[in-house]
Amino acid sequence: MKEKRFLSPSLLSADFTNLASSLKFIEEGGGDFVHVDVMDGHFVPQVSFGEPVIRSIRKACPLPFDVHLMVERPESSIQSYIDCGADFITFHQEATCHADRCVQMIHQAGKKAGIALCPATPVESISPILPYIDIVLVMTVNPGWGGQNLIPYTLEKVRELADIQKNKGYKFLVSVDGGVNPDTLVPLLEAGVDIVVSGSSFFKGEIRWSH
């Protein structure tokens, strides 16, 4: 197994009445990043954080912000999330036909670029861009809601990406989002995950990290 794993707790499961306290909880719980889910009500049915909230909470936390754009046509909004303090920006393969342009926009701003895959989207759909990506986010549940159970076949995608890392020497990190709890964490780590996104289990105190 890999030596270094990163924890990126998801604010989607935080107490929205006191986000500053939730950010402190993430720091004290061993979070390496803060995972911020942006939902537009179109790519997924729900609506969540936008630029004003991210800009505001950015001042309350020193950890890098891992902004996950669950939005249609991310190329039209990437710059605004860069401007409000994102350190990592991950967009969905399914949401744009301009993945390369999105990656270039993010890198030209000096930020890290990620690409996310819904559960049924194959890894081969992003093969051409893998050498240029910093993070591949495997959605292990259907995007849009917290508290779902991990979809078992998504573990195969994690293994496939870990094999590509090893065999081709690519530098991207493999991240997973959805259904991470004490029972699913071990098989995910064994499959080759680098970044673990955890929402409800983290804020319940079921998953804590030590460095």
Protein backbone atom coordinates (compact mmCIF):
# COMPACT_ATOMS: atom_id res chain seq x y z
CA MET A 1 0.00 0.00 0.00
CA LYS A 2 1.04 3.60 -0.49
CA GLU A 3 2.82 5.38 2.32
CA LYS A 4 1.12 8.79 2.19
CA ARG A 5 -2.65 9.16 2.07
CA PHE A 6 -4.52 12.45 2.27
CA LEU A 7 -7.84 13.20 3.96
CA SER A 8 -10.19 15.76 2.41
CA PRO A 9 -13.29 16.14 4.63
CA SER A 10 -16.37 17.33 2.76
CA LEU A 11 -18.09 20.51 3.93
CA LEU A 12 -21.33 19.20 2.42
CA SER A 13 -21.82 17.26 5.67
CA ALA A 14 -20.79 20.14 7.95
CA ASP A 15 -23.00 22.24 10.20
CA PHE A 16 -24.05 25.04 7.84
CA THR A 17 -25.00 27.25 10.77
CA ASN A 18 -21.37 27.36 11.92
CA LEU A 19 -18.96 26.69 9.09
CA ALA A 20 -16.05 28.29 10.94
CA SER A 21 -16.41 25.70 13.69
CA SER A 22 -16.65 22.93 11.11
CA LEU A 23 -13.43 24.11 9.47
CA LYS A 24 -11.72 24.02 12.87
CA PHE A 25 -13.02 20.47 13.35
CA ILE A 26 -11.47 19.50 10.01
CA GLU A 27 -8.09 20.92 11.06
CA GLU A 28 -8.17 19.17 14.42
CA GLY A 29 -9.34 15.89 12.84
CA GLY A 30 -6.28 15.61 10.62
CA GLY A 31 -7.70 17.01 7.40
CA ASP A 32 -5.12 17.72 4.72
CA PHE A 33 -7.57 19.57 2.46
CA VAL A 34 -11.10 20.93 2.70
CA HIS A 35 -13.39 19.39 0.07
CA VAL A 36 -15.93 21.96 -1.14
CA ASP A 37 -18.77 20.62 -3.28
CA VAL A 38 -20.21 23.18 -5.69
CA MET A 39 -23.58 22.08 -7.13
CA ASP A 40 -25.54 24.08 -9.69
CA GLY A 41 -28.98 22.44 -9.65
CA HIS A 42 -28.48 21.29 -13.27
CA PHE A 43 -25.59 18.81 -13.47
CA VAL A 44 -26.93 17.52 -10.15
CA PRO A 45 -30.36 18.38 -8.74
CA GLN A 46 -29.05 20.05 -5.58
CA VAL A 47 -27.58 23.53 -5.07
CA SER A 48 -24.81 24.13 -2.55
CA PHE A 49 -21.93 26.57 -2.07
CA GLY A 50 -21.12 29.42 -4.43
CA GLU A 51 -18.30 31.91 -4.76
CA PRO A 52 -19.37 34.31 -1.95
CA VAL A 53 -19.44 31.54 0.66
CA ILE A 54 -16.09 30.11 -0.46
CA ARG A 55 -14.51 33.56 -0.47
CA SER A 56 -15.78 34.16 3.06
CA ILE A 57 -14.74 30.85 4.64
CA ARG A 58 -11.37 30.92 2.86
CA LYS A 59 -10.28 33.48 5.47
CA ALA A 60 -11.16 31.11 8.32
CA CYS A 61 -8.96 28.14 7.39
CA PRO A 62 -5.30 27.70 6.38
CA LEU A 63 -5.83 24.32 4.68
CA PRO A 64 -5.90 24.04 0.88
CA PHE A 65 -9.39 24.17 -0.61
CA ASP A 66 -10.25 21.23 -2.87
CA VAL A 67 -13.17 22.61 -4.91
CA HIS A 68 -15.28 19.98 -6.70
CA LEU A 69 -17.38 21.54 -9.46
CA MET A 70 -20.55 19.54 -10.05
CA VAL A 71 -21.67 22.09 -12.61
CA GLU A 72 -22.45 22.19 -16.30
CA ARG A 73 -19.97 23.98 -18.60
CA PRO A 74 -17.30 24.41 -15.89
CA GLU A 75 -15.10 26.38 -18.30
CA SER A 76 -17.45 29.34 -17.81
CA SER A 77 -17.00 29.47 -14.02
CA ILE A 78 -13.51 28.11 -13.30
CA GLN A 79 -11.94 31.56 -13.15
CA SER A 80 -14.40 32.77 -10.52
CA TYR A 81 -13.52 29.85 -8.23
CA ILE A 82 -9.84 30.52 -8.74
CA ASP A 83 -10.46 34.14 -7.76
CA CYS A 84 -12.29 33.21 -4.54
CA GLY A 85 -9.49 31.01 -3.21
CA ALA A 86 -9.58 27.48 -4.63
CA ASP A 87 -6.26 25.61 -4.55
CA PHE A 88 -7.48 22.49 -6.37
CA ILE A 89 -10.29 22.62 -8.92
CA THR A 90 -11.89 19.38 -10.06
CA PHE A 91 -14.48 19.41 -12.84
CA HIS A 92 -16.53 16.57 -14.31
CA GLN A 93 -15.63 14.80 -17.54
CA GLU A 94 -19.35 14.44 -18.24
CA ALA A 95 -20.05 18.18 -17.86
CA THR A 96 -17.87 19.57 -20.66
CA CYS A 97 -16.46 18.81 -24.09
CA HIS A 98 -13.56 21.15 -23.31
CA ALA A 99 -11.62 19.19 -20.69
CA ASP A 100 -8.24 20.22 -22.08
CA ARG A 101 -9.21 23.89 -22.01
CA CYS A 102 -10.35 23.55 -18.39
CA VAL A 103 -7.04 21.97 -17.37
CA GLN A 104 -5.09 24.70 -19.13
CA MET A 105 -7.12 27.44 -17.44
CA ILE A 106 -6.49 25.94 -14.01
CA HIS A 107 -2.77 25.37 -14.57
CA GLN A 108 -2.22 28.82 -16.05
CA ALA A 109 -3.55 30.25 -12.79
CA GLY A 110 -1.00 28.20 -10.84
CA LYS A 111 -3.60 25.84 -9.39
CA LYS A 112 -3.95 22.04 -9.41
CA ALA A 113 -6.38 20.50 -11.91
CA GLY A 114 -8.59 17.51 -11.26
CA ILE A 115 -11.09 15.60 -13.37
CA ALA A 116 -14.00 13.65 -11.87
CA LEU A 117 -15.78 10.56 -13.17
CA CYS A 118 -19.34 9.54 -12.32
CA PRO A 119 -19.67 5.87 -11.32
CA ALA A 120 -20.58 4.57 -14.79
CA THR A 121 -18.05 6.69 -16.72
CA PRO A 122 -15.04 4.56 -17.80
CA VAL A 123 -11.45 5.51 -17.10
CA GLU A 124 -10.61 5.20 -20.78
CA SER A 125 -12.72 8.28 -21.49
CA ILE A 126 -9.99 10.43 -19.93
CA SER A 127 -6.94 8.50 -21.15
CA PRO A 128 -5.59 11.31 -23.40
CA ILE A 129 -5.56 13.85 -20.58
CA LEU A 130 -4.18 11.68 -17.76
CA PRO A 131 -0.55 12.85 -18.26
CA TYR A 132 -1.65 16.44 -17.58
CA ILE A 133 -3.98 15.93 -14.62
CA ASP A 134 -3.10 16.37 -10.94
CA ILE A 135 -6.10 14.52 -9.47
CA VAL A 136 -8.57 11.94 -10.78
CA LEU A 137 -11.67 11.89 -8.60
CA VAL A 138 -13.63 8.64 -8.76
CA MET A 139 -17.21 9.18 -7.64
CA THR A 140 -17.99 6.08 -5.62
CA VAL A 141 -21.65 7.14 -5.35
CA ASN A 142 -23.90 9.04 -7.73
CA PRO A 143 -23.09 12.74 -7.30
CA GLY A 144 -25.47 15.14 -5.61
CA TRP A 145 -26.32 13.70 -2.19
CA GLY A 146 -24.42 12.77 0.95
CA GLY A 147 -24.94 9.61 2.97
CA GLN A 148 -25.13 7.10 0.07
CA ASN A 149 -23.60 3.62 0.08
CA LEU A 150 -20.42 3.04 -1.91
CA ILE A 151 -21.04 1.41 -5.31
CA PRO A 152 -18.85 -1.75 -5.31
CA TYR A 153 -17.76 -1.68 -8.97
CA THR A 154 -16.13 1.72 -8.50
CA LEU A 155 -13.32 -0.05 -6.64
CA GLU A 156 -12.24 -1.52 -9.99
CA LYS A 157 -11.81 1.98 -11.39
CA VAL A 158 -9.58 2.89 -8.46
CA ARG A 159 -7.44 -0.20 -9.10
CA GLU A 160 -7.27 0.61 -12.81
CA LEU A 161 -6.07 4.15 -12.13
CA ALA A 162 -3.53 2.95 -9.55
CA ASP A 163 -2.14 0.52 -12.16
CA ILE A 164 -1.87 3.34 -14.70
CA GLN A 165 0.00 5.45 -12.15
CA LYS A 166 2.46 2.66 -11.52
CA ASN A 167 2.93 1.42 -15.08
CA LYS A 168 3.09 4.76 -16.88
CA GLY A 169 4.65 6.88 -14.17
CA TYR A 170 1.89 9.49 -14.26
CA LYS A 171 1.82 11.91 -11.34
CA PHE A 172 -1.93 12.26 -10.76
CA LEU A 173 -3.39 11.36 -7.39
CA VAL A 174 -6.41 9.07 -7.15
CA SER A 175 -9.24 10.47 -5.05
CA VAL A 176 -12.56 8.92 -4.04
CA ASP A 177 -15.76 10.61 -2.96
CA GLY A 178 -18.85 8.94 -1.54
CA GLY A 179 -19.77 6.19 0.87
CA VAL A 180 -16.46 6.33 2.76
CA ASN A 181 -16.86 4.92 6.26
CA PRO A 182 -14.81 2.67 8.56
CA ASP A 183 -15.98 -0.43 6.67
CA THR A 184 -15.21 0.82 3.15
CA LEU A 185 -12.03 2.71 3.99
CA VAL A 186 -9.79 -0.37 4.15
CA PRO A 187 -10.73 -1.80 0.71
CA LEU A 188 -10.38 1.68 -0.79
CA LEU A 189 -6.89 2.07 0.62
CA GLU A 190 -5.98 -1.42 -0.57
CA ALA A 191 -7.23 -0.54 -4.06
CA GLY A 192 -4.74 2.32 -4.27
CA VAL A 193 -6.46 5.54 -3.20
CA ASP A 194 -4.33 8.63 -2.51
CA ILE A 195 -7.01 11.10 -1.35
CA VAL A 196 -10.02 10.11 0.74
CA VAL A 197 -13.03 12.43 0.71
CA SER A 198 -15.29 11.77 3.68
CA GLY A 199 -18.39 13.67 4.72
CA SER A 200 -20.87 12.26 7.19
CA SER A 201 -18.50 9.65 8.66
CA PHE A 202 -15.85 12.28 9.29
CA PHE A 203 -18.20 14.70 11.01
CA LYS A 204 -19.65 11.87 13.11
CA GLY A 205 -16.13 11.20 14.36
CA GLU A 206 -15.96 7.75 12.75
CA ILE A 207 -12.96 8.62 10.56
CA ARG A 208 -10.03 10.54 12.02
CA TRP A 209 -6.55 10.98 10.54
CA SER A 210 -3.10 11.09 12.09
CA HIS A 211 0.07 12.36 10.40
